[in-house]
Each structure stands twice: as C-alpha cells, then as structure tokens.
mmCIF file of all heavy atoms, coordinates in Angstrom:
data_MODEL
# 
_entry.id   MODEL 
# 
loop_
_atom_site.group_PDB 
_atom_site.id 
_atom_site.type_symbol 
_atom_site.label_atom_id 
_atom_site.label_alt_id 
_atom_site.label_comp_id 
_atom_site.label_asym_id 
_atom_site.label_entity_id 
_atom_site.label_seq_id 
_atom_site.pdbx_PDB_ins_code 
_atom_site.Cartn_x 
_atom_site.Cartn_y 
_atom_site.Cartn_z 
_atom_site.occupancy 
_atom_site.B_iso_or_equiv 
_atom_site.pdbx_formal_charge 
_atom_site.auth_seq_id 
_atom_site.auth_comp_id 
_atom_site.auth_asym_id 
_atom_site.auth_atom_id 
_atom_site.pdbx_PDB_model_num 
ATOM 1   N N   . PHE A 1 1  ? 4.569   -11.102 -3.660  1.00 0.00 ? 1  PHE A N   1 
ATOM 2   C CA  . PHE A 1 1  ? 3.769   -12.171 -4.191  1.00 0.00 ? 1  PHE A CA  1 
ATOM 3   C C   . PHE A 1 1  ? 4.231   -12.531 -5.604  1.00 0.00 ? 1  PHE A C   1 
ATOM 4   O O   . PHE A 1 1  ? 4.771   -11.706 -6.336  1.00 0.00 ? 1  PHE A O   1 
ATOM 5   C CB  . PHE A 1 1  ? 2.273   -11.795 -4.250  1.00 0.00 ? 1  PHE A CB  1 
ATOM 6   C CG  . PHE A 1 1  ? 1.628   -11.698 -2.893  1.00 0.00 ? 1  PHE A CG  1 
ATOM 7   C CD1 . PHE A 1 1  ? 1.770   -10.540 -2.137  1.00 0.00 ? 1  PHE A CD1 1 
ATOM 8   C CD2 . PHE A 1 1  ? 0.956   -12.783 -2.361  1.00 0.00 ? 1  PHE A CD2 1 
ATOM 9   C CE1 . PHE A 1 1  ? 1.199   -10.462 -0.866  1.00 0.00 ? 1  PHE A CE1 1 
ATOM 10  C CE2 . PHE A 1 1  ? 0.366   -12.700 -1.092  1.00 0.00 ? 1  PHE A CE2 1 
ATOM 11  C CZ  . PHE A 1 1  ? 0.493   -11.540 -0.349  1.00 0.00 ? 1  PHE A CZ  1 
ATOM 12  N N   . GLN A 1 2  ? 4.013   -13.810 -5.987  1.00 0.00 ? 2  GLN A N   1 
ATOM 13  C CA  . GLN A 1 2  ? 4.377   -14.286 -7.290  1.00 0.00 ? 2  GLN A CA  1 
ATOM 14  C C   . GLN A 1 2  ? 3.630   -13.495 -8.376  1.00 0.00 ? 2  GLN A C   1 
ATOM 15  O O   . GLN A 1 2  ? 4.190   -13.086 -9.372  1.00 0.00 ? 2  GLN A O   1 
ATOM 16  C CB  . GLN A 1 2  ? 4.075   -15.759 -7.444  1.00 0.00 ? 2  GLN A CB  1 
ATOM 17  C CG  . GLN A 1 2  ? 4.459   -16.377 -8.754  1.00 0.00 ? 2  GLN A CG  1 
ATOM 18  C CD  . GLN A 1 2  ? 4.192   -17.865 -8.816  1.00 0.00 ? 2  GLN A CD  1 
ATOM 19  O OE1 . GLN A 1 2  ? 3.818   -18.476 -7.794  1.00 0.00 ? 2  GLN A OE1 1 
ATOM 20  N NE2 . GLN A 1 2  ? 4.358   -18.461 -9.969  1.00 0.00 ? 2  GLN A NE2 1 
ATOM 21  N N   . ASN A 1 3  ? 2.352   -13.281 -8.164  1.00 0.00 ? 3  ASN A N   1 
ATOM 22  C CA  . ASN A 1 3  ? 1.535   -12.434 -9.021  1.00 0.00 ? 3  ASN A CA  1 
ATOM 23  C C   . ASN A 1 3  ? 1.417   -11.063 -8.376  1.00 0.00 ? 3  ASN A C   1 
ATOM 24  O O   . ASN A 1 3  ? 0.967   -10.958 -7.237  1.00 0.00 ? 3  ASN A O   1 
ATOM 25  C CB  . ASN A 1 3  ? 0.147   -13.037 -9.238  1.00 0.00 ? 3  ASN A CB  1 
ATOM 26  C CG  . ASN A 1 3  ? 0.218   -14.408 -9.918  1.00 0.00 ? 3  ASN A CG  1 
ATOM 27  O OD1 . ASN A 1 3  ? 0.933   -14.581 -10.885 1.00 0.00 ? 3  ASN A OD1 1 
ATOM 28  N ND2 . ASN A 1 3  ? -0.519  -15.368 -9.387  1.00 0.00 ? 3  ASN A ND2 1 
ATOM 29  N N   . LEU A 1 4  ? 1.828   -10.032 -9.067  1.00 0.00 ? 4  LEU A N   1 
ATOM 30  C CA  . LEU A 1 4  ? 1.865   -8.679  -8.515  1.00 0.00 ? 4  LEU A CA  1 
ATOM 31  C C   . LEU A 1 4  ? 0.526   -8.269  -7.955  1.00 0.00 ? 4  LEU A C   1 
ATOM 32  O O   . LEU A 1 4  ? -0.527  -8.488  -8.569  1.00 0.00 ? 4  LEU A O   1 
ATOM 33  C CB  . LEU A 1 4  ? 2.308   -7.698  -9.594  1.00 0.00 ? 4  LEU A CB  1 
ATOM 34  C CG  . LEU A 1 4  ? 3.741   -7.840  -10.102 1.00 0.00 ? 4  LEU A CG  1 
ATOM 35  C CD1 . LEU A 1 4  ? 3.970   -6.944  -11.291 1.00 0.00 ? 4  LEU A CD1 1 
ATOM 36  C CD2 . LEU A 1 4  ? 4.734   -7.511  -8.993  1.00 0.00 ? 4  LEU A CD2 1 
ATOM 37  N N   . ALA A 1 5  ? 0.557   -7.673  -6.762  1.00 0.00 ? 5  ALA A N   1 
ATOM 38  C CA  . ALA A 1 5  ? -0.679  -7.248  -6.075  1.00 0.00 ? 5  ALA A CA  1 
ATOM 39  C C   . ALA A 1 5  ? -0.607  -5.752  -5.853  1.00 0.00 ? 5  ALA A C   1 
ATOM 40  O O   . ALA A 1 5  ? -0.619  -5.286  -4.697  1.00 0.00 ? 5  ALA A O   1 
ATOM 41  C CB  . ALA A 1 5  ? -0.878  -7.996  -4.774  1.00 0.00 ? 5  ALA A CB  1 
ATOM 42  N N   . LEU A 1 6  ? -0.509  -4.974  -6.933  1.00 0.00 ? 6  LEU A N   1 
ATOM 43  C CA  . LEU A 1 6  ? -0.389  -3.529  -6.853  1.00 0.00 ? 6  LEU A CA  1 
ATOM 44  C C   . LEU A 1 6  ? -1.709  -2.880  -7.293  1.00 0.00 ? 6  LEU A C   1 
ATOM 45  O O   . LEU A 1 6  ? -2.480  -3.461  -8.053  1.00 0.00 ? 6  LEU A O   1 
ATOM 46  C CB  . LEU A 1 6  ? 0.774   -3.011  -7.701  1.00 0.00 ? 6  LEU A CB  1 
ATOM 47  C CG  . LEU A 1 6  ? 2.153   -3.524  -7.301  1.00 0.00 ? 6  LEU A CG  1 
ATOM 48  C CD1 . LEU A 1 6  ? 3.164   -3.141  -8.365  1.00 0.00 ? 6  LEU A CD1 1 
ATOM 49  C CD2 . LEU A 1 6  ? 2.567   -2.978  -5.924  1.00 0.00 ? 6  LEU A CD2 1 
ATOM 50  N N   . PHE A 1 7  ? -1.886  -1.631  -6.876  1.00 0.00 ? 7  PHE A N   1 
ATOM 51  C CA  . PHE A 1 7  ? -3.054  -0.842  -7.272  1.00 0.00 ? 7  PHE A CA  1 
ATOM 52  C C   . PHE A 1 7  ? -2.682  -0.091  -8.551  1.00 0.00 ? 7  PHE A C   1 
ATOM 53  O O   . PHE A 1 7  ? -1.910  0.885   -8.489  1.00 0.00 ? 7  PHE A O   1 
ATOM 54  C CB  . PHE A 1 7  ? -3.468  0.104   -6.183  1.00 0.00 ? 7  PHE A CB  1 
ATOM 55  C CG  . PHE A 1 7  ? -3.915  -0.603  -4.908  1.00 0.00 ? 7  PHE A CG  1 
ATOM 56  C CD1 . PHE A 1 7  ? -3.022  -0.755  -3.850  1.00 0.00 ? 7  PHE A CD1 1 
ATOM 57  C CD2 . PHE A 1 7  ? -5.189  -1.118  -4.779  1.00 0.00 ? 7  PHE A CD2 1 
ATOM 58  C CE1 . PHE A 1 7  ? -3.410  -1.406  -2.694  1.00 0.00 ? 7  PHE A CE1 1 
ATOM 59  C CE2 . PHE A 1 7  ? -5.582  -1.777  -3.626  1.00 0.00 ? 7  PHE A CE2 1 
ATOM 60  C CZ  . PHE A 1 7  ? -4.704  -1.917  -2.592  1.00 0.00 ? 7  PHE A CZ  1 
ATOM 61  N N   . GLN A 1 8  ? -3.216  -0.507  -9.669  1.00 0.00 ? 8  GLN A N   1 
ATOM 62  C CA  . GLN A 1 8  ? -2.777  -0.049  -10.981 1.00 0.00 ? 8  GLN A CA  1 
ATOM 63  C C   . GLN A 1 8  ? -2.999  1.439   -11.233 1.00 0.00 ? 8  GLN A C   1 
ATOM 64  O O   . GLN A 1 8  ? -2.269  2.076   -11.988 1.00 0.00 ? 8  GLN A O   1 
ATOM 65  C CB  . GLN A 1 8  ? -3.454  -0.865  -12.077 1.00 0.00 ? 8  GLN A CB  1 
ATOM 66  C CG  . GLN A 1 8  ? -3.067  -2.330  -12.095 1.00 0.00 ? 8  GLN A CG  1 
ATOM 67  C CD  . GLN A 1 8  ? -1.593  -2.552  -12.388 1.00 0.00 ? 8  GLN A CD  1 
ATOM 68  O OE1 . GLN A 1 8  ? -1.052  -1.991  -13.340 1.00 0.00 ? 8  GLN A OE1 1 
ATOM 69  N NE2 . GLN A 1 8  ? -0.928  -3.339  -11.547 1.00 0.00 ? 8  GLN A NE2 1 
ATOM 70  N N   . THR A 1 9  ? -4.030  2.016   -10.641 1.00 0.00 ? 9  THR A N   1 
ATOM 71  C CA  . THR A 1 9  ? -4.338  3.406   -10.905 1.00 0.00 ? 9  THR A CA  1 
ATOM 72  C C   . THR A 1 9  ? -3.681  4.370   -9.911  1.00 0.00 ? 9  THR A C   1 
ATOM 73  O O   . THR A 1 9  ? -3.819  5.589   -10.043 1.00 0.00 ? 9  THR A O   1 
ATOM 74  C CB  . THR A 1 9  ? -5.876  3.661   -10.880 1.00 0.00 ? 9  THR A CB  1 
ATOM 75  O OG1 . THR A 1 9  ? -6.390  3.291   -9.587  1.00 0.00 ? 9  THR A OG1 1 
ATOM 76  C CG2 . THR A 1 9  ? -6.557  2.798   -11.955 1.00 0.00 ? 9  THR A CG2 1 
ATOM 77  N N   . MET A 1 10 ? -2.959  3.857   -8.939  1.00 0.00 ? 10 MET A N   1 
ATOM 78  C CA  . MET A 1 10 ? -2.275  4.653   -7.944  1.00 0.00 ? 10 MET A CA  1 
ATOM 79  C C   . MET A 1 10 ? -0.826  4.888   -8.326  1.00 0.00 ? 10 MET A C   1 
ATOM 80  O O   . MET A 1 10 ? -0.258  4.126   -9.148  1.00 0.00 ? 10 MET A O   1 
ATOM 81  C CB  . MET A 1 10 ? -2.381  4.000   -6.576  1.00 0.00 ? 10 MET A CB  1 
ATOM 82  C CG  . MET A 1 10 ? -3.780  4.004   -5.995  1.00 0.00 ? 10 MET A CG  1 
ATOM 83  S SD  . MET A 1 10 ? -3.978  2.940   -4.518  1.00 0.00 ? 10 MET A SD  1 
ATOM 84  C CE  . MET A 1 10 ? -2.720  3.625   -3.411  1.00 0.00 ? 10 MET A CE  1 
ATOM 85  N N   . THR A 1 11 ? -0.214  5.887   -7.746  1.00 0.00 ? 11 THR A N   1 
ATOM 86  C CA  . THR A 1 11 ? 1.191   6.159   -8.032  1.00 0.00 ? 11 THR A CA  1 
ATOM 87  C C   . THR A 1 11 ? 2.104   5.168   -7.302  1.00 0.00 ? 11 THR A C   1 
ATOM 88  O O   . THR A 1 11 ? 1.631   4.429   -6.402  1.00 0.00 ? 11 THR A O   1 
ATOM 89  C CB  . THR A 1 11 ? 1.585   7.580   -7.567  1.00 0.00 ? 11 THR A CB  1 
ATOM 90  O OG1 . THR A 1 11 ? 1.500   7.658   -6.137  1.00 0.00 ? 11 THR A OG1 1 
ATOM 91  C CG2 . THR A 1 11 ? 0.695   8.634   -8.230  1.00 0.00 ? 11 THR A CG2 1 
ATOM 92  N N   . VAL A 1 12 ? 3.353   5.161   -7.685  1.00 0.00 ? 12 VAL A N   1 
ATOM 93  C CA  . VAL A 1 12 ? 4.361   4.315   -7.015  1.00 0.00 ? 12 VAL A CA  1 
ATOM 94  C C   . VAL A 1 12 ? 4.405   4.674   -5.531  1.00 0.00 ? 12 VAL A C   1 
ATOM 95  O O   . VAL A 1 12 ? 4.373   3.790   -4.675  1.00 0.00 ? 12 VAL A O   1 
ATOM 96  C CB  . VAL A 1 12 ? 5.731   4.520   -7.669  1.00 0.00 ? 12 VAL A CB  1 
ATOM 97  C CG1 . VAL A 1 12 ? 6.825   3.878   -6.828  1.00 0.00 ? 12 VAL A CG1 1 
ATOM 98  C CG2 . VAL A 1 12 ? 5.728   3.938   -9.080  1.00 0.00 ? 12 VAL A CG2 1 
ATOM 99  N N   . LEU A 1 13 ? 4.487   5.942   -5.198  1.00 0.00 ? 13 LEU A N   1 
ATOM 100 C CA  . LEU A 1 13 ? 4.567   6.371   -3.800  1.00 0.00 ? 13 LEU A CA  1 
ATOM 101 C C   . LEU A 1 13 ? 3.348   5.906   -3.001  1.00 0.00 ? 13 LEU A C   1 
ATOM 102 O O   . LEU A 1 13 ? 3.490   5.371   -1.898  1.00 0.00 ? 13 LEU A O   1 
ATOM 103 C CB  . LEU A 1 13 ? 4.688   7.884   -3.711  1.00 0.00 ? 13 LEU A CB  1 
ATOM 104 C CG  . LEU A 1 13 ? 4.731   8.479   -2.306  1.00 0.00 ? 13 LEU A CG  1 
ATOM 105 C CD1 . LEU A 1 13 ? 5.897   7.968   -1.519  1.00 0.00 ? 13 LEU A CD1 1 
ATOM 106 C CD2 . LEU A 1 13 ? 4.748   10.016  -2.370  1.00 0.00 ? 13 LEU A CD2 1 
ATOM 107 N N   . ASP A 1 14 ? 2.156   6.082   -3.565  1.00 0.00 ? 14 ASP A N   1 
ATOM 108 C CA  . ASP A 1 14 ? 0.952   5.705   -2.828  1.00 0.00 ? 14 ASP A CA  1 
ATOM 109 C C   . ASP A 1 14 ? 0.877   4.181   -2.656  1.00 0.00 ? 14 ASP A C   1 
ATOM 110 O O   . ASP A 1 14 ? 0.437   3.698   -1.595  1.00 0.00 ? 14 ASP A O   1 
ATOM 111 C CB  . ASP A 1 14 ? -0.292  6.187   -3.570  1.00 0.00 ? 14 ASP A CB  1 
ATOM 112 C CG  . ASP A 1 14 ? -0.454  7.698   -3.450  1.00 0.00 ? 14 ASP A CG  1 
ATOM 113 O OD1 . ASP A 1 14 ? 0.108   8.288   -2.523  1.00 0.00 ? 14 ASP A OD1 1 
ATOM 114 O OD2 . ASP A 1 14 ? -1.168  8.293   -4.297  1.00 0.00 ? 14 ASP A OD2 1 
ATOM 115 N N   . ASN A 1 15 ? 1.281   3.417   -3.643  1.00 0.00 ? 15 ASN A N   1 
ATOM 116 C CA  . ASN A 1 15 ? 1.333   1.958   -3.499  1.00 0.00 ? 15 ASN A CA  1 
ATOM 117 C C   . ASN A 1 15 ? 2.258   1.562   -2.390  1.00 0.00 ? 15 ASN A C   1 
ATOM 118 O O   . ASN A 1 15 ? 1.930   0.671   -1.582  1.00 0.00 ? 15 ASN A O   1 
ATOM 119 C CB  . ASN A 1 15 ? 1.793   1.320   -4.826  1.00 0.00 ? 15 ASN A CB  1 
ATOM 120 C CG  . ASN A 1 15 ? 0.627   0.867   -5.670  1.00 0.00 ? 15 ASN A CG  1 
ATOM 121 O OD1 . ASN A 1 15 ? 0.039   -0.179  -5.455  1.00 0.00 ? 15 ASN A OD1 1 
ATOM 122 N ND2 . ASN A 1 15 ? 0.304   1.679   -6.690  1.00 0.00 ? 15 ASN A ND2 1 
ATOM 123 N N   . VAL A 1 16 ? 3.418   2.198   -2.284  1.00 0.00 ? 16 VAL A N   1 
ATOM 124 C CA  . VAL A 1 16 ? 4.384   1.854   -1.250  1.00 0.00 ? 16 VAL A CA  1 
ATOM 125 C C   . VAL A 1 16 ? 3.840   2.229   0.119   1.00 0.00 ? 16 VAL A C   1 
ATOM 126 O O   . VAL A 1 16 ? 3.970   1.479   1.097   1.00 0.00 ? 16 VAL A O   1 
ATOM 127 C CB  . VAL A 1 16 ? 5.728   2.534   -1.535  1.00 0.00 ? 16 VAL A CB  1 
ATOM 128 C CG1 . VAL A 1 16 ? 6.695   2.321   -0.348  1.00 0.00 ? 16 VAL A CG1 1 
ATOM 129 C CG2 . VAL A 1 16 ? 6.351   1.975   -2.817  1.00 0.00 ? 16 VAL A CG2 1 
ATOM 130 N N   . MET A 1 17 ? 3.199   3.380   0.225   1.00 0.00 ? 17 MET A N   1 
ATOM 131 C CA  . MET A 1 17 ? 2.670   3.830   1.507   1.00 0.00 ? 17 MET A CA  1 
ATOM 132 C C   . MET A 1 17 ? 1.590   2.901   2.036   1.00 0.00 ? 17 MET A C   1 
ATOM 133 O O   . MET A 1 17 ? 1.403   2.787   3.258   1.00 0.00 ? 17 MET A O   1 
ATOM 134 C CB  . MET A 1 17 ? 2.156   5.264   1.400   1.00 0.00 ? 17 MET A CB  1 
ATOM 135 C CG  . MET A 1 17 ? 3.264   6.299   1.245   1.00 0.00 ? 17 MET A CG  1 
ATOM 136 S SD  . MET A 1 17 ? 2.660   8.001   1.156   1.00 0.00 ? 17 MET A SD  1 
ATOM 137 C CE  . MET A 1 17 ? 1.920   8.196   2.786   1.00 0.00 ? 17 MET A CE  1 
ATOM 138 N N   . VAL A 1 18 ? 0.879   2.249   1.153   1.00 0.00 ? 18 VAL A N   1 
ATOM 139 C CA  . VAL A 1 18 ? -0.131  1.282   1.594   1.00 0.00 ? 18 VAL A CA  1 
ATOM 140 C C   . VAL A 1 18 ? 0.507   0.218   2.499   1.00 0.00 ? 18 VAL A C   1 
ATOM 141 O O   . VAL A 1 18 ? -0.094  -0.227  3.473   1.00 0.00 ? 18 VAL A O   1 
ATOM 142 C CB  . VAL A 1 18 ? -0.808  0.608   0.375   1.00 0.00 ? 18 VAL A CB  1 
ATOM 143 C CG1 . VAL A 1 18 ? -1.613  -0.599  0.798   1.00 0.00 ? 18 VAL A CG1 1 
ATOM 144 C CG2 . VAL A 1 18 ? -1.718  1.609   -0.328  1.00 0.00 ? 18 VAL A CG2 1 
ATOM 145 N N   . GLY A 1 19 ? 1.739   -0.171  2.178   1.00 0.00 ? 19 GLY A N   1 
ATOM 146 C CA  . GLY A 1 19 ? 2.413   -1.191  2.962   1.00 0.00 ? 19 GLY A CA  1 
ATOM 147 C C   . GLY A 1 19 ? 2.707   -0.730  4.381   1.00 0.00 ? 19 GLY A C   1 
ATOM 148 O O   . GLY A 1 19 ? 2.832   -1.565  5.278   1.00 0.00 ? 19 GLY A O   1 
ATOM 149 N N   . GLY A 1 20 ? 2.829   0.558   4.600   1.00 0.00 ? 20 GLY A N   1 
ATOM 150 C CA  . GLY A 1 20 ? 3.145   1.053   5.931   1.00 0.00 ? 20 GLY A CA  1 
ATOM 151 C C   . GLY A 1 20 ? 1.942   1.270   6.828   1.00 0.00 ? 20 GLY A C   1 
ATOM 152 O O   . GLY A 1 20 ? 2.100   1.382   8.061   1.00 0.00 ? 20 GLY A O   1 
ATOM 153 N N   . HIS A 1 21 ? 0.740   1.319   6.278   1.00 0.00 ? 21 HIS A N   1 
ATOM 154 C CA  . HIS A 1 21 ? -0.438  1.587   7.087   1.00 0.00 ? 21 HIS A CA  1 
ATOM 155 C C   . HIS A 1 21 ? -0.758  0.469   8.071   1.00 0.00 ? 21 HIS A C   1 
ATOM 156 O O   . HIS A 1 21 ? -1.434  0.693   9.077   1.00 0.00 ? 21 HIS A O   1 
ATOM 157 C CB  . HIS A 1 21 ? -1.642  1.896   6.179   1.00 0.00 ? 21 HIS A CB  1 
ATOM 158 C CG  . HIS A 1 21 ? -1.605  3.274   5.579   1.00 0.00 ? 21 HIS A CG  1 
ATOM 159 N ND1 . HIS A 1 21 ? -1.589  3.477   4.238   1.00 0.00 ? 21 HIS A ND1 1 
ATOM 160 C CD2 . HIS A 1 21 ? -1.576  4.517   6.155   1.00 0.00 ? 21 HIS A CD2 1 
ATOM 161 C CE1 . HIS A 1 21 ? -1.553  4.769   3.993   1.00 0.00 ? 21 HIS A CE1 1 
ATOM 162 N NE2 . HIS A 1 21 ? -1.544  5.422   5.121   1.00 0.00 ? 21 HIS A NE2 1 
ATOM 163 N N   . SER A 1 22 ? -0.257  -0.734  7.765   1.00 0.00 ? 22 SER A N   1 
ATOM 164 C CA  . SER A 1 22 ? -0.487  -1.850  8.699   1.00 0.00 ? 22 SER A CA  1 
ATOM 165 C C   . SER A 1 22 ? 0.272   -1.671  10.008  1.00 0.00 ? 22 SER A C   1 
ATOM 166 O O   . SER A 1 22 ? -0.030  -2.331  10.998  1.00 0.00 ? 22 SER A O   1 
ATOM 167 C CB  . SER A 1 22 ? -0.093  -3.171  8.060   1.00 0.00 ? 22 SER A CB  1 
ATOM 168 O OG  . SER A 1 22 ? 1.295   -3.181  7.744   1.00 0.00 ? 22 SER A OG  1 
ATOM 169 N N   . ARG A 1 23 ? 1.284   -0.763  9.996   1.00 0.00 ? 23 ARG A N   1 
ATOM 170 C CA  . ARG A 1 23 ? 2.095   -0.519  11.190  1.00 0.00 ? 23 ARG A CA  1 
ATOM 171 C C   . ARG A 1 23 ? 1.761   0.768   11.906  1.00 0.00 ? 23 ARG A C   1 
ATOM 172 O O   . ARG A 1 23 ? 2.407   1.122   12.878  1.00 0.00 ? 23 ARG A O   1 
ATOM 173 C CB  . ARG A 1 23 ? 3.574   -0.539  10.828  1.00 0.00 ? 23 ARG A CB  1 
ATOM 174 C CG  . ARG A 1 23 ? 4.101   -1.832  10.221  1.00 0.00 ? 23 ARG A CG  1 
ATOM 175 C CD  . ARG A 1 23 ? 4.203   -2.931  11.233  1.00 0.00 ? 23 ARG A CD  1 
ATOM 176 N NE  . ARG A 1 23 ? 5.166   -2.627  12.279  1.00 0.00 ? 23 ARG A NE  1 
ATOM 177 C CZ  . ARG A 1 23 ? 6.467   -2.970  12.198  1.00 0.00 ? 23 ARG A CZ  1 
ATOM 178 N NH1 . ARG A 1 23 ? 6.911   -3.587  11.125  1.00 0.00 ? 23 ARG A NH1 1 
ATOM 179 N NH2 . ARG A 1 23 ? 7.266   -2.687  13.189  1.00 0.00 ? 23 ARG A NH2 1 
ATOM 180 N N   . THR A 1 24 ? 0.759   1.527   11.397  1.00 0.00 ? 24 THR A N   1 
ATOM 181 C CA  . THR A 1 24 ? 0.433   2.810   12.014  1.00 0.00 ? 24 THR A CA  1 
ATOM 182 C C   . THR A 1 24 ? -0.539  2.588   13.169  1.00 0.00 ? 24 THR A C   1 
ATOM 183 O O   . THR A 1 24 ? -1.221  1.586   13.296  1.00 0.00 ? 24 THR A O   1 
ATOM 184 C CB  . THR A 1 24 ? -0.204  3.762   11.005  1.00 0.00 ? 24 THR A CB  1 
ATOM 185 O OG1 . THR A 1 24 ? -1.374  3.137   10.408  1.00 0.00 ? 24 THR A OG1 1 
ATOM 186 C CG2 . THR A 1 24 ? 0.762   4.079   9.889   1.00 0.00 ? 24 THR A CG2 1 
ATOM 187 N N   . ALA A 1 25 ? -0.595  3.595   14.063  1.00 0.00 ? 25 ALA A N   1 
ATOM 188 C CA  . ALA A 1 25 ? -1.399  3.480   15.264  1.00 0.00 ? 25 ALA A CA  1 
ATOM 189 C C   . ALA A 1 25 ? -2.797  4.069   15.123  1.00 0.00 ? 25 ALA A C   1 
ATOM 190 O O   . ALA A 1 25 ? -3.663  3.848   15.938  1.00 0.00 ? 25 ALA A O   1 
ATOM 191 C CB  . ALA A 1 25 ? -0.691  4.176   16.430  1.00 0.00 ? 25 ALA A CB  1 
ATOM 192 N N   . SER A 1 26 ? -3.002  4.879   14.059  1.00 0.00 ? 26 SER A N   1 
ATOM 193 C CA  . SER A 1 26 ? -4.308  5.527   13.886  1.00 0.00 ? 26 SER A CA  1 
ATOM 194 C C   . SER A 1 26 ? -5.390  4.538   13.539  1.00 0.00 ? 26 SER A C   1 
ATOM 195 O O   . SER A 1 26 ? -5.145  3.448   12.994  1.00 0.00 ? 26 SER A O   1 
ATOM 196 C CB  . SER A 1 26 ? -4.228  6.621   12.798  1.00 0.00 ? 26 SER A CB  1 
ATOM 197 O OG  . SER A 1 26 ? -3.808  6.024   11.579  1.00 0.00 ? 26 SER A OG  1 
ATOM 198 N N   . ASP A 1 27 ? -6.654  4.897   13.880  1.00 0.00 ? 27 ASP A N   1 
ATOM 199 C CA  . ASP A 1 27 ? -7.788  4.039   13.594  1.00 0.00 ? 27 ASP A CA  1 
ATOM 200 C C   . ASP A 1 27 ? -8.837  4.796   12.784  1.00 0.00 ? 27 ASP A C   1 
ATOM 201 O O   . ASP A 1 27 ? -8.594  5.939   12.355  1.00 0.00 ? 27 ASP A O   1 
ATOM 202 C CB  . ASP A 1 27 ? -8.411  3.486   14.903  1.00 0.00 ? 27 ASP A CB  1 
ATOM 203 C CG  . ASP A 1 27 ? -8.751  4.626   15.877  1.00 0.00 ? 27 ASP A CG  1 
ATOM 204 O OD1 . ASP A 1 27 ? -8.962  5.754   15.426  1.00 0.00 ? 27 ASP A OD1 1 
ATOM 205 O OD2 . ASP A 1 27 ? -8.829  4.347   17.094  1.00 0.00 ? 27 ASP A OD2 1 
ATOM 206 N N   . VAL A 1 28 ? -9.978  4.181   12.566  1.00 0.00 ? 28 VAL A N   1 
ATOM 207 C CA  . VAL A 1 28 ? -11.027 4.767   11.742  1.00 0.00 ? 28 VAL A CA  1 
ATOM 208 C C   . VAL A 1 28 ? -11.505 6.105   12.326  1.00 0.00 ? 28 VAL A C   1 
ATOM 209 O O   . VAL A 1 28 ? -11.693 7.088   11.606  1.00 0.00 ? 28 VAL A O   1 
ATOM 210 C CB  . VAL A 1 28 ? -12.202 3.795   11.573  1.00 0.00 ? 28 VAL A CB  1 
ATOM 211 C CG1 . VAL A 1 28 ? -13.340 4.474   10.843  1.00 0.00 ? 28 VAL A CG1 1 
ATOM 212 C CG2 . VAL A 1 28 ? -11.766 2.534   10.848  1.00 0.00 ? 28 VAL A CG2 1 
# 
C-alpha cells in the first residue's frame, strides 16, 4: 500500500507472518 499498513507494536517477523495466515487452512 502507498500508506504503510503495518502493526507498529509487533516484530518484523510477526508482521510478515500475518500475510501468510490468509493462505492457511486452519480455522477458529
């Protein structure tokens, strides 16, 4: 995004992992 959409209080690794959860098979 043009304006950064990161979680400021989370680590770099955790921010990146957020991107992968949309492709995981697990549910609530």
